[in-house]
Amino acid sequence: MNASGQKVDNTQYILQAGNNKVALNPEGYLENFDDWNEDVAKTMSEIDHLELSDCHWEVINFMRKFYREFEVIPHPRTIIKAIGDKISSWGCTKKDFENAFPKGGCKQACRIAGLPLHYCHSC
């Protein structure tokens, strides 16, 4: 974990995000879906050296809404079909999606969106 996180023990880290402290697992994913807020997303993206644009927020919010409704993460194709036109006026491809989240594509988007690690392996 880098300077934004503090190691608590061998399996958990604490992330300081704004005025909140949230528990992360060693891979950097939230331990609890409901601990997420925009400060958490911003802090995680800063750790990844990723500046969140409106396009990123579209993806993050869609993924969170989808997960809350269906309790699974959306496949990248589902994301692209659902909000691709909001990400780009000429449509969006899987490569565009991966370029938007350059440190792991769907897995990075999952982590920043606060989705559980065990669901993000399906990306």
Protein backbone atom coordinates (compact mmCIF):
# COMPACT_ATOMS: atom_id res chain seq x y z
CA MET A 1 0.00 0.00 0.00
CA ASN A 2 1.29 3.48 -0.72
CA ALA A 3 1.21 6.62 1.39
CA SER A 4 -2.59 6.96 1.04
CA GLY A 5 -3.20 3.69 2.86
CA GLN A 6 -2.11 2.35 6.20
CA LYS A 7 -1.49 -1.35 6.77
CA VAL A 8 -3.54 -2.70 9.67
CA ASP A 9 -2.58 -6.39 9.54
CA ASN A 10 -1.70 -9.00 6.91
CA THR A 11 -5.15 -8.97 5.32
CA GLN A 12 -6.58 -5.47 5.67
CA TYR A 13 -5.62 -1.89 4.95
CA ILE A 14 -7.26 1.40 5.84
CA LEU A 15 -7.72 4.07 3.17
CA GLN A 16 -8.14 7.69 4.26
CA ALA A 17 -10.63 9.23 1.83
CA GLY A 18 -11.67 12.74 2.76
CA ASN A 19 -12.94 12.55 6.33
CA ASN A 20 -13.61 8.81 6.08
CA LYS A 21 -11.48 5.77 6.75
CA VAL A 22 -12.47 2.64 4.84
CA ALA A 23 -11.18 -0.92 5.01
CA LEU A 24 -9.47 -2.39 1.95
CA ASN A 25 -8.20 -5.88 1.28
CA PRO A 26 -4.53 -6.35 0.23
CA GLU A 27 -5.49 -6.01 -3.46
CA GLY A 28 -6.94 -2.54 -2.80
CA TYR A 29 -10.65 -3.39 -3.09
CA LEU A 30 -13.20 -2.21 -0.54
CA GLU A 31 -14.13 -4.71 2.12
CA ASN A 32 -17.67 -3.29 2.28
CA PHE A 33 -19.62 -2.08 -0.79
CA ASP A 34 -21.57 0.42 1.31
CA ASP A 35 -18.39 2.18 2.52
CA TRP A 36 -17.95 3.70 -0.96
CA ASN A 37 -18.50 7.37 -1.69
CA GLU A 38 -17.10 9.80 -4.25
CA ASP A 39 -14.17 10.66 -1.97
CA VAL A 40 -13.19 6.98 -1.95
CA ALA A 41 -13.31 6.88 -5.76
CA LYS A 42 -11.28 10.09 -6.04
CA THR A 43 -8.66 8.83 -3.58
CA MET A 44 -8.35 5.47 -5.35
CA SER A 45 -8.02 7.19 -8.71
CA GLU A 46 -5.33 9.52 -7.31
CA ILE A 47 -3.40 6.45 -6.13
CA ASP A 48 -3.64 5.14 -9.70
CA HIS A 49 -2.65 8.55 -11.15
CA LEU A 50 -5.97 8.66 -12.99
CA GLU A 51 -7.93 11.89 -13.30
CA LEU A 52 -11.63 11.06 -13.26
CA SER A 53 -13.59 12.64 -16.10
CA ASP A 54 -17.33 12.72 -16.69
CA CYS A 55 -16.86 9.55 -18.76
CA HIS A 56 -15.24 7.74 -15.84
CA TRP A 57 -18.09 8.80 -13.55
CA GLU A 58 -20.64 7.45 -16.07
CA VAL A 59 -18.92 4.06 -15.94
CA ILE A 60 -18.48 4.08 -12.15
CA ASN A 61 -22.07 5.06 -11.44
CA PHE A 62 -23.44 2.56 -13.98
CA MET A 63 -21.38 -0.26 -12.46
CA ARG A 64 -22.54 0.58 -8.94
CA LYS A 65 -26.20 0.81 -9.97
CA PHE A 66 -25.97 -2.47 -11.92
CA TYR A 67 -24.28 -4.26 -9.02
CA ARG A 68 -26.80 -2.94 -6.50
CA GLU A 69 -29.67 -4.16 -8.67
CA PHE A 70 -28.31 -7.53 -9.86
CA GLU A 71 -25.55 -8.34 -7.31
CA VAL A 72 -23.07 -9.05 -10.11
CA ILE A 73 -20.83 -6.72 -12.04
CA PRO A 74 -21.73 -5.85 -15.61
CA HIS A 75 -19.62 -7.35 -18.37
CA PRO A 76 -17.67 -4.68 -20.28
CA ARG A 77 -19.91 -5.29 -23.32
CA THR A 78 -22.96 -4.52 -21.17
CA ILE A 79 -21.37 -1.28 -20.00
CA ILE A 80 -20.44 -0.28 -23.54
CA LYS A 81 -23.93 -1.03 -24.87
CA ALA A 82 -25.65 0.79 -22.01
CA ILE A 83 -23.56 3.96 -21.80
CA GLY A 84 -21.12 3.88 -24.71
CA ASP A 85 -22.85 6.81 -26.40
CA LYS A 86 -22.44 8.86 -23.21
CA ILE A 87 -18.72 8.05 -23.12
CA SER A 88 -18.13 8.97 -26.74
CA SER A 89 -20.33 10.59 -29.38
CA TRP A 90 -19.07 8.07 -31.95
CA GLY A 91 -19.65 5.07 -29.72
CA CYS A 92 -17.29 3.17 -27.51
CA THR A 93 -15.27 -0.01 -27.97
CA LYS A 94 -13.74 -2.36 -25.44
CA LYS A 95 -10.37 -0.81 -26.30
CA ASP A 96 -11.74 2.67 -25.48
CA PHE A 97 -13.00 1.31 -22.17
CA GLU A 98 -9.63 -0.24 -21.37
CA ASN A 99 -7.85 2.99 -22.32
CA ALA A 100 -10.09 4.94 -19.95
CA PHE A 101 -9.00 2.63 -17.12
CA PRO A 102 -5.39 1.87 -18.15
CA LYS A 103 -4.39 -0.11 -15.05
CA GLY A 104 -6.65 -3.08 -15.59
CA GLY A 105 -9.69 -1.94 -17.59
CA CYS A 106 -12.75 -3.45 -15.95
CA LYS A 107 -10.84 -4.55 -12.85
CA GLN A 108 -9.60 -1.00 -12.23
CA ALA A 109 -13.09 0.39 -12.83
CA CYS A 110 -14.46 -2.21 -10.39
CA ARG A 111 -12.00 -1.23 -7.70
CA ILE A 112 -12.63 2.51 -8.07
CA ALA A 113 -16.40 1.86 -8.09
CA GLY A 114 -16.07 -0.01 -4.80
CA LEU A 115 -17.26 -3.38 -6.08
CA PRO A 116 -16.21 -6.55 -4.24
CA LEU A 117 -13.07 -8.27 -5.50
CA HIS A 118 -14.63 -11.71 -5.90
CA TYR A 119 -17.06 -10.32 -8.50
CA CYS A 120 -14.38 -8.40 -10.39
CA HIS A 121 -12.55 -11.55 -11.47
CA SER A 122 -15.19 -12.04 -14.15
CA CYS A 123 -14.05 -8.95 -16.09
